C-alpha cells in the first residue's frame, strides 16, 4: 500500500490560479515539480461544509477497521447505509477515499483510505 499525505489548503481562487500557473511554468521549463495531493477551499467556512465531523469519522473508521463494504462501514458507524454511501462517494470525489469494486459472491463497494494524515494549511 502506498502511503501519502493529503493537504487541505485554504486560499482564494486567485491564489490557487497563481500557484497552478507557477507549477505549469516550472514543468514547461523542465524543472521537476513534486506531485502533491492538495484540496483547496476558499475559506474555512467552505471547508467546514465539506469536511464534517461525520465524514472525518468515516475516514478514521475506514483506516482503522478496513470494512469490506459500505454496508459494513454503515453498521460499524451505526448510521443509515444510504447516508454513509453518499458521504463515501462524496469523499471519493474529493480524492480522500478510493472506492474498489470487489466480488465475493456478489459485487461489493469497498472504501479504502491509503494515507496516514490530512494536513490543513492556512496562509496568513
N, C-alpha and C. Protein backbone atom coordinates (compact mmCIF):
# COMPACT_ATOMS: atom_id res chain seq x y z
N UNK A 1 0.85 -1.18 0.00
CA UNK A 1 0.00 0.00 0.00
C UNK A 1 0.89 1.24 0.00
N UNK A 2 0.62 2.14 -0.90
CA UNK A 2 1.36 3.39 -0.98
C UNK A 2 0.77 4.37 0.03
N UNK A 3 1.62 4.93 0.87
CA UNK A 3 1.17 5.88 1.89
C UNK A 3 1.45 7.29 1.40
N UNK A 4 0.47 8.15 1.53
CA UNK A 4 0.64 9.55 1.13
C UNK A 4 -0.03 10.44 2.15
N UNK A 5 0.28 11.70 2.09
CA UNK A 5 -0.38 12.69 2.92
C UNK A 5 -1.25 13.54 2.02
N UNK A 6 -2.35 14.02 2.55
CA UNK A 6 -3.26 14.89 1.82
C UNK A 6 -3.24 16.24 2.51
N UNK A 7 -3.11 17.30 1.73
CA UNK A 7 -3.09 18.64 2.30
C UNK A 7 -4.37 19.37 1.93
N UNK A 8 -5.04 19.92 2.94
CA UNK A 8 -6.19 20.78 2.71
C UNK A 8 -5.69 22.21 2.80
N UNK A 9 -5.96 22.96 1.78
CA UNK A 9 -5.48 24.34 1.67
C UNK A 9 -6.65 25.30 1.73
N UNK A 10 -6.46 26.42 2.37
CA UNK A 10 -7.46 27.48 2.34
C UNK A 10 -6.81 28.66 1.63
N UNK A 11 -7.28 28.93 0.43
CA UNK A 11 -6.73 30.02 -0.36
C UNK A 11 -7.79 30.53 -1.35
N UNK A 12 -7.64 31.76 -1.74
CA UNK A 12 -8.60 32.35 -2.68
C UNK A 12 -8.41 31.72 -4.06
N UNK A 13 -9.38 31.91 -4.90
CA UNK A 13 -9.30 31.40 -6.27
C UNK A 13 -8.09 31.99 -6.99
N UNK A 14 -7.84 33.29 -6.79
CA UNK A 14 -6.69 33.94 -7.41
C UNK A 14 -5.37 33.31 -6.96
N UNK A 15 -5.25 33.04 -5.65
CA UNK A 15 -4.03 32.41 -5.13
C UNK A 15 -3.85 31.01 -5.72
N UNK A 16 -4.95 30.29 -5.86
CA UNK A 16 -4.90 28.95 -6.43
C UNK A 16 -4.41 29.01 -7.88
N UNK A 17 -4.95 29.95 -8.64
CA UNK A 17 -4.57 30.09 -10.06
C UNK A 17 -3.09 30.46 -10.17
N UNK A 18 -2.62 31.37 -9.33
CA UNK A 18 -1.21 31.77 -9.35
C UNK A 18 -0.31 30.56 -9.06
N UNK A 19 -0.69 29.78 -8.06
CA UNK A 19 0.10 28.59 -7.71
C UNK A 19 0.10 27.57 -8.85
N UNK A 20 -1.04 27.36 -9.48
CA UNK A 20 -1.13 26.41 -10.59
C UNK A 20 -0.30 26.88 -11.78
N UNK A 21 -0.37 28.17 -12.10
CA UNK A 21 0.43 28.71 -13.21
C UNK A 21 1.91 28.56 -12.93
N UNK A 22 2.32 28.81 -11.70
CA UNK A 22 3.72 28.68 -11.33
C UNK A 22 4.20 27.24 -11.53
N UNK A 23 3.39 26.28 -11.13
CA UNK A 23 3.75 24.87 -11.31
C UNK A 23 3.83 24.51 -12.79
N UNK A 24 2.90 25.01 -13.59
CA UNK A 24 2.91 24.72 -15.03
C UNK A 24 4.13 25.33 -15.70
N UNK A 25 4.52 26.54 -15.30
CA UNK A 25 5.71 27.17 -15.86
C UNK A 25 6.96 26.36 -15.52
N UNK A 26 7.04 25.88 -14.30
CA UNK A 26 8.19 25.07 -13.88
C UNK A 26 8.29 23.80 -14.71
N UNK A 27 7.17 23.15 -14.95
CA UNK A 27 7.14 21.93 -15.76
C UNK A 27 7.55 22.25 -17.19
N UNK A 28 7.04 23.36 -17.74
CA UNK A 28 7.38 23.76 -19.11
C UNK A 28 8.87 24.03 -19.26
N UNK A 29 9.52 24.49 -18.20
CA UNK A 29 10.97 24.77 -18.23
C UNK A 29 11.79 23.52 -17.93
N UNK A 30 11.10 22.40 -17.70
CA UNK A 30 11.80 21.15 -17.46
C UNK A 30 12.19 20.91 -16.02
N UNK A 31 11.74 21.76 -15.13
CA UNK A 31 12.05 21.56 -13.71
C UNK A 31 11.09 20.53 -13.11
N UNK A 32 11.61 19.78 -12.18
CA UNK A 32 10.79 18.77 -11.51
C UNK A 32 9.84 19.45 -10.53
N UNK A 33 8.61 19.04 -10.54
CA UNK A 33 7.60 19.53 -9.60
C UNK A 33 7.12 18.34 -8.80
N UNK A 34 7.22 18.44 -7.49
CA UNK A 34 6.78 17.34 -6.63
C UNK A 34 5.27 17.26 -6.63
N UNK A 35 4.72 16.12 -7.07
CA UNK A 35 3.26 15.99 -7.06
C UNK A 35 2.75 15.94 -5.62
N UNK A 36 1.64 16.62 -5.40
CA UNK A 36 1.04 16.65 -4.07
C UNK A 36 -0.46 16.41 -4.19
N UNK A 37 -1.00 15.81 -3.16
CA UNK A 37 -2.45 15.68 -3.08
C UNK A 37 -2.95 16.87 -2.27
N UNK A 38 -3.51 17.85 -2.99
CA UNK A 38 -3.97 19.08 -2.34
C UNK A 38 -5.42 19.33 -2.74
N UNK A 39 -6.23 19.65 -1.74
CA UNK A 39 -7.62 20.05 -1.97
C UNK A 39 -7.74 21.46 -1.43
N UNK A 40 -8.11 22.39 -2.29
CA UNK A 40 -8.18 23.80 -1.88
C UNK A 40 -9.62 24.26 -1.66
N UNK A 41 -9.78 25.07 -0.63
CA UNK A 41 -11.07 25.68 -0.31
C UNK A 41 -10.86 27.18 -0.22
N UNK A 42 -11.90 27.94 -0.52
CA UNK A 42 -11.80 29.40 -0.50
C UNK A 42 -11.77 29.97 0.91
N UNK A 43 -12.38 29.26 1.87
CA UNK A 43 -12.42 29.77 3.24
C UNK A 43 -12.58 28.61 4.20
N UNK A 44 -12.34 28.89 5.47
CA UNK A 44 -12.53 27.88 6.49
C UNK A 44 -14.01 27.49 6.57
N UNK A 45 -14.89 28.47 6.38
CA UNK A 45 -16.33 28.22 6.39
C UNK A 45 -16.70 27.22 5.29
N UNK A 46 -16.13 27.40 4.10
CA UNK A 46 -16.40 26.49 2.99
C UNK A 46 -15.87 25.09 3.30
N UNK A 47 -14.66 25.03 3.86
CA UNK A 47 -14.07 23.74 4.19
C UNK A 47 -14.93 22.99 5.21
N UNK A 48 -15.47 23.70 6.18
CA UNK A 48 -16.31 23.07 7.21
C UNK A 48 -17.56 22.43 6.62
N UNK A 49 -18.07 22.98 5.52
CA UNK A 49 -19.24 22.39 4.87
C UNK A 49 -18.90 21.05 4.23
N UNK A 50 -17.67 20.90 3.79
CA UNK A 50 -17.26 19.69 3.09
C UNK A 50 -16.67 18.64 4.01
N UNK A 51 -15.90 19.07 5.00
CA UNK A 51 -15.24 18.14 5.91
C UNK A 51 -15.94 18.23 7.27
N UNK A 52 -16.96 17.42 7.44
CA UNK A 52 -17.76 17.44 8.67
C UNK A 52 -17.22 16.41 9.67
N UNK A 53 -17.72 16.49 10.90
CA UNK A 53 -17.33 15.51 11.92
C UNK A 53 -17.67 14.09 11.48
N UNK A 54 -18.83 13.89 10.88
CA UNK A 54 -19.24 12.55 10.45
C UNK A 54 -18.34 12.04 9.33
N UNK A 55 -17.95 12.90 8.42
CA UNK A 55 -17.07 12.47 7.33
C UNK A 55 -15.67 12.14 7.85
N UNK A 56 -15.20 12.88 8.84
CA UNK A 56 -13.92 12.54 9.47
C UNK A 56 -14.02 11.20 10.20
N UNK A 57 -15.16 10.95 10.82
CA UNK A 57 -15.39 9.68 11.49
C UNK A 57 -15.37 8.52 10.49
N UNK A 58 -15.92 8.77 9.31
CA UNK A 58 -15.89 7.76 8.24
C UNK A 58 -14.44 7.47 7.85
N UNK A 59 -13.65 8.51 7.61
CA UNK A 59 -12.25 8.32 7.22
C UNK A 59 -11.48 7.51 8.27
N UNK A 60 -11.65 7.89 9.53
CA UNK A 60 -10.94 7.19 10.61
C UNK A 60 -11.39 5.74 10.72
N UNK A 61 -12.67 5.49 10.57
CA UNK A 61 -13.19 4.14 10.68
C UNK A 61 -12.69 3.26 9.53
N UNK A 62 -12.64 3.82 8.34
CA UNK A 62 -12.13 3.05 7.19
C UNK A 62 -10.66 2.70 7.43
N UNK A 63 -9.89 3.68 7.86
CA UNK A 63 -8.46 3.46 8.09
C UNK A 63 -8.24 2.41 9.18
N UNK A 64 -8.98 2.51 10.27
CA UNK A 64 -8.78 1.62 11.42
C UNK A 64 -9.37 0.22 11.19
N UNK A 65 -10.62 0.16 10.69
CA UNK A 65 -11.36 -1.10 10.62
C UNK A 65 -11.30 -1.82 9.28
N UNK A 66 -10.93 -1.09 8.21
CA UNK A 66 -10.85 -1.68 6.87
C UNK A 66 -12.10 -2.50 6.51
N UNK A 67 -13.27 -1.85 6.53
CA UNK A 67 -14.51 -2.59 6.22
C UNK A 67 -14.51 -3.11 4.78
N UNK A 68 -15.18 -4.23 4.59
CA UNK A 68 -15.22 -4.88 3.27
C UNK A 68 -16.24 -4.25 2.33
N UNK A 69 -17.12 -3.39 2.87
CA UNK A 69 -18.15 -2.77 2.04
C UNK A 69 -18.68 -1.52 2.72
N UNK A 70 -19.41 -0.73 1.96
CA UNK A 70 -20.05 0.46 2.54
C UNK A 70 -21.11 0.02 3.55
N UNK A 71 -21.79 -1.08 3.26
CA UNK A 71 -22.79 -1.61 4.20
C UNK A 71 -22.13 -1.94 5.54
N UNK A 72 -20.97 -2.63 5.50
CA UNK A 72 -20.25 -2.98 6.73
C UNK A 72 -19.80 -1.72 7.47
N UNK A 73 -19.38 -0.72 6.72
CA UNK A 73 -18.97 0.56 7.33
C UNK A 73 -20.15 1.21 8.04
N UNK A 74 -21.30 1.23 7.39
CA UNK A 74 -22.50 1.82 7.99
C UNK A 74 -22.87 1.10 9.29
N UNK A 75 -22.74 -0.22 9.32
CA UNK A 75 -23.03 -0.98 10.54
C UNK A 75 -22.04 -0.62 11.64
N UNK A 76 -20.75 -0.47 11.29
CA UNK A 76 -19.74 -0.07 12.28
C UNK A 76 -20.06 1.29 12.89
N UNK A 77 -20.52 2.21 12.03
CA UNK A 77 -20.79 3.58 12.45
C UNK A 77 -22.19 3.74 13.05
N UNK A 78 -23.01 2.69 12.92
CA UNK A 78 -24.41 2.75 13.37
C UNK A 78 -25.14 3.92 12.71
N UNK A 79 -24.97 4.00 11.36
CA UNK A 79 -25.63 5.04 10.57
C UNK A 79 -26.38 4.39 9.41
N UNK A 80 -27.30 5.13 8.84
CA UNK A 80 -28.06 4.69 7.68
C UNK A 80 -27.11 4.43 6.50
N UNK A 81 -27.27 3.30 5.83
CA UNK A 81 -26.39 2.91 4.73
C UNK A 81 -26.38 3.93 3.61
N UNK A 82 -27.55 4.48 3.25
CA UNK A 82 -27.60 5.45 2.17
C UNK A 82 -26.82 6.72 2.51
N UNK A 83 -26.95 7.20 3.75
CA UNK A 83 -26.22 8.40 4.15
C UNK A 83 -24.71 8.16 4.14
N UNK A 84 -24.29 7.00 4.63
CA UNK A 84 -22.86 6.65 4.62
C UNK A 84 -22.38 6.53 3.19
N UNK A 85 -23.17 5.89 2.34
CA UNK A 85 -22.81 5.74 0.93
C UNK A 85 -22.65 7.11 0.26
N UNK A 86 -23.58 8.02 0.53
CA UNK A 86 -23.48 9.38 -0.04
C UNK A 86 -22.19 10.06 0.41
N UNK A 87 -21.87 9.95 1.71
CA UNK A 87 -20.66 10.57 2.23
C UNK A 87 -19.40 9.93 1.65
N UNK A 88 -19.39 8.60 1.54
CA UNK A 88 -18.23 7.90 0.98
C UNK A 88 -18.00 8.32 -0.47
N UNK A 89 -19.07 8.38 -1.26
CA UNK A 89 -18.91 8.78 -2.66
C UNK A 89 -18.48 10.24 -2.78
N UNK A 90 -18.98 11.09 -1.91
CA UNK A 90 -18.55 12.48 -1.92
C UNK A 90 -17.07 12.60 -1.56
N UNK A 91 -16.63 11.89 -0.51
CA UNK A 91 -15.22 11.91 -0.13
C UNK A 91 -14.35 11.31 -1.23
N UNK A 92 -14.90 10.37 -1.97
CA UNK A 92 -14.18 9.81 -3.11
C UNK A 92 -13.99 10.86 -4.20
N UNK A 93 -15.04 11.65 -4.46
CA UNK A 93 -14.94 12.74 -5.45
C UNK A 93 -13.87 13.75 -5.04
N UNK A 94 -13.73 13.99 -3.74
CA UNK A 94 -12.69 14.91 -3.24
C UNK A 94 -11.30 14.29 -3.32
N UNK A 95 -11.24 12.98 -3.49
CA UNK A 95 -9.95 12.29 -3.54
C UNK A 95 -9.47 11.82 -2.18
N UNK A 96 -10.35 11.81 -1.19
CA UNK A 96 -9.96 11.39 0.16
C UNK A 96 -10.19 9.90 0.40
N UNK A 97 -11.00 9.27 -0.43
CA UNK A 97 -11.28 7.83 -0.31
C UNK A 97 -11.18 7.23 -1.71
N UNK A 98 -10.61 6.03 -1.76
CA UNK A 98 -10.61 5.27 -3.00
C UNK A 98 -11.70 4.21 -2.87
N UNK A 99 -12.47 4.01 -3.93
CA UNK A 99 -13.52 3.00 -3.91
C UNK A 99 -13.10 1.86 -4.82
N UNK A 100 -13.06 0.66 -4.25
CA UNK A 100 -12.69 -0.53 -5.02
C UNK A 100 -13.89 -1.45 -5.12
N UNK A 101 -14.09 -1.99 -6.29
CA UNK A 101 -15.15 -2.97 -6.50
C UNK A 101 -14.57 -4.35 -6.24
N UNK A 102 -15.22 -5.13 -5.38
CA UNK A 102 -14.77 -6.48 -5.08
C UNK A 102 -15.88 -7.46 -5.40
N UNK A 103 -15.51 -8.67 -5.65
CA UNK A 103 -16.51 -9.70 -5.96
C UNK A 103 -16.28 -10.88 -5.02
N UNK A 104 -17.12 -10.99 -4.03
CA UNK A 104 -17.06 -12.09 -3.08
C UNK A 104 -18.47 -12.66 -3.01
N UNK A 105 -18.82 -13.43 -4.01
CA UNK A 105 -20.20 -13.88 -4.15
C UNK A 105 -20.98 -12.87 -4.97
N UNK A 106 -21.18 -11.70 -4.38
CA UNK A 106 -21.82 -10.61 -5.12
C UNK A 106 -20.90 -9.39 -5.07
N UNK A 107 -21.11 -8.48 -5.98
CA UNK A 107 -20.22 -7.33 -6.06
C UNK A 107 -20.41 -6.40 -4.85
N UNK A 108 -19.28 -5.97 -4.27
CA UNK A 108 -19.31 -5.06 -3.14
C UNK A 108 -18.49 -3.82 -3.48
N UNK A 109 -18.84 -2.72 -2.84
CA UNK A 109 -18.09 -1.48 -2.99
C UNK A 109 -17.30 -1.29 -1.70
N UNK A 110 -15.96 -1.40 -1.81
CA UNK A 110 -15.09 -1.34 -0.64
C UNK A 110 -14.40 0.03 -0.58
N UNK A 111 -14.64 0.79 0.51
CA UNK A 111 -13.94 2.08 0.67
C UNK A 111 -12.55 1.85 1.25
N UNK A 112 -11.56 2.59 0.71
CA UNK A 112 -10.18 2.43 1.15
C UNK A 112 -9.56 3.81 1.39
N UNK A 113 -8.83 3.95 2.49
CA UNK A 113 -8.07 5.16 2.81
C UNK A 113 -6.61 4.76 2.80
N UNK A 114 -5.82 5.34 1.88
CA UNK A 114 -4.42 4.93 1.73
C UNK A 114 -3.45 6.05 2.10
N UNK A 115 -3.73 6.78 3.14
CA UNK A 115 -2.80 7.79 3.62
C UNK A 115 -2.85 7.81 5.13
N UNK A 116 -1.85 8.44 5.71
CA UNK A 116 -1.73 8.43 7.16
C UNK A 116 -2.34 9.66 7.83
N UNK A 117 -2.29 10.80 7.15
CA UNK A 117 -2.79 12.01 7.79
C UNK A 117 -3.26 13.03 6.76
N UNK A 118 -4.05 13.96 7.25
CA UNK A 118 -4.50 15.10 6.46
C UNK A 118 -3.88 16.34 7.10
N UNK A 119 -3.18 17.11 6.31
CA UNK A 119 -2.56 18.33 6.78
C UNK A 119 -3.44 19.51 6.37
N UNK A 120 -3.73 20.40 7.30
CA UNK A 120 -4.51 21.60 6.99
C UNK A 120 -3.53 22.77 6.98
N UNK A 121 -3.51 23.48 5.88
CA UNK A 121 -2.59 24.60 5.73
C UNK A 121 -3.38 25.87 5.46
N UNK A 122 -3.15 26.88 6.29
CA UNK A 122 -3.84 28.15 6.15
C UNK A 122 -2.80 29.25 5.97
N UNK A 123 -2.84 29.90 4.84
CA UNK A 123 -1.92 31.01 4.58
C UNK A 123 -2.41 32.25 5.33
N UNK A 124 -1.49 32.98 5.95
CA UNK A 124 -1.87 34.21 6.66
C UNK A 124 -1.24 35.41 6.01
